[in-house]
Amino acid sequence: MKAIQTYLAGAESYKVAAERLGIKHCTQLKVWVRKYRNGEPLDTRKGSSSPMKDVPPVRRLPVSKKNGIT
């Protein structure tokens, strides 16, 4: 929240605020600011370890060297 407040105060750019506060990429700060302005929750991952957790793994099919089809 401090990063968002720092940026919104207008004293620093996304990049400068992110570097000063130890945020790896300023893009993350941009996302937080956008969500804050839109009234969205900042962390939408709560309760879910992965959005793909219920998707079955892909089965790889064999490929023929001659024409690419078996």
Protein backbone atom coordinates (compact mmCIF):
# COMPACT_ATOMS: atom_id res chain seq x y z
CA MET A 1 0.00 0.00 0.00
CA LYS A 2 2.92 2.32 0.68
CA ALA A 3 4.10 1.93 -2.91
CA ILE A 4 0.66 2.89 -4.24
CA GLN A 5 0.46 5.89 -1.94
CA THR A 6 3.98 6.99 -2.91
CA TYR A 7 3.14 6.89 -6.60
CA LEU A 8 -0.26 8.55 -6.21
CA ALA A 9 1.32 11.40 -4.22
CA GLY A 10 2.94 12.35 -7.52
CA ALA A 11 6.46 12.77 -6.18
CA GLU A 12 7.94 9.76 -7.99
CA SER A 13 7.52 7.80 -11.20
CA TYR A 14 6.53 4.12 -11.20
CA LYS A 15 10.15 3.16 -11.81
CA VAL A 16 11.65 5.34 -9.07
CA ALA A 17 9.02 4.35 -6.49
CA ALA A 18 9.44 0.65 -7.30
CA GLU A 19 13.24 0.79 -7.07
CA ARG A 20 13.19 2.73 -3.81
CA LEU A 21 10.72 0.32 -2.20
CA GLY A 22 12.46 -2.83 -3.46
CA ILE A 23 9.79 -3.91 -5.96
CA LYS A 24 11.49 -5.98 -8.65
CA HIS A 25 9.54 -4.66 -11.66
CA CYS A 26 7.71 -1.34 -11.95
CA THR A 27 5.02 -3.15 -13.94
CA GLN A 28 3.86 -4.75 -10.68
CA LEU A 29 3.36 -1.30 -9.18
CA LYS A 30 1.41 -0.22 -12.27
CA VAL A 31 -0.93 -3.22 -11.84
CA TRP A 32 -1.47 -2.43 -8.14
CA VAL A 33 -2.21 1.23 -8.88
CA ARG A 34 -4.69 0.29 -11.63
CA LYS A 35 -6.47 -2.18 -9.34
CA TYR A 36 -6.52 0.33 -6.48
CA ARG A 37 -8.05 3.02 -8.69
CA ASN A 38 -10.69 0.57 -9.96
CA GLY A 39 -11.54 -0.64 -6.45
CA GLU A 40 -10.37 -4.17 -7.21
CA PRO A 41 -8.66 -6.44 -4.66
CA LEU A 42 -4.88 -6.30 -4.97
CA ASP A 43 -4.40 -10.06 -4.50
CA THR A 44 -6.85 -12.28 -6.37
CA ARG A 45 -4.89 -15.51 -5.74
CA LYS A 46 -6.24 -16.13 -2.23
CA GLY A 47 -7.42 -19.69 -1.74
CA SER A 48 -6.02 -20.96 -5.02
CA SER A 49 -2.50 -22.17 -5.58
CA SER A 50 -2.80 -22.23 -9.35
CA PRO A 51 -5.48 -21.24 -11.85
CA MET A 52 -4.65 -24.43 -13.79
CA LYS A 53 -4.93 -26.83 -10.85
CA ASP A 54 -8.07 -28.61 -12.18
CA VAL A 55 -6.89 -28.84 -15.81
CA PRO A 56 -5.65 -32.30 -16.77
CA PRO A 57 -2.10 -32.55 -18.14
CA VAL A 58 -1.58 -32.60 -21.90
CA ARG A 59 -0.93 -36.00 -23.41
CA ARG A 60 1.89 -35.91 -25.95
CA LEU A 61 1.32 -37.93 -29.09
CA PRO A 62 4.17 -39.67 -30.94
CA VAL A 63 5.29 -38.02 -34.17
CA SER A 64 6.71 -39.89 -37.17
CA LYS A 65 10.04 -38.62 -38.46
CA LYS A 66 8.97 -39.24 -42.07
CA ASN A 67 5.91 -37.00 -42.41
CA GLY A 68 5.19 -35.71 -38.91
CA ILE A 69 2.13 -37.99 -38.52
CA THR A 70 1.96 -41.50 -37.14
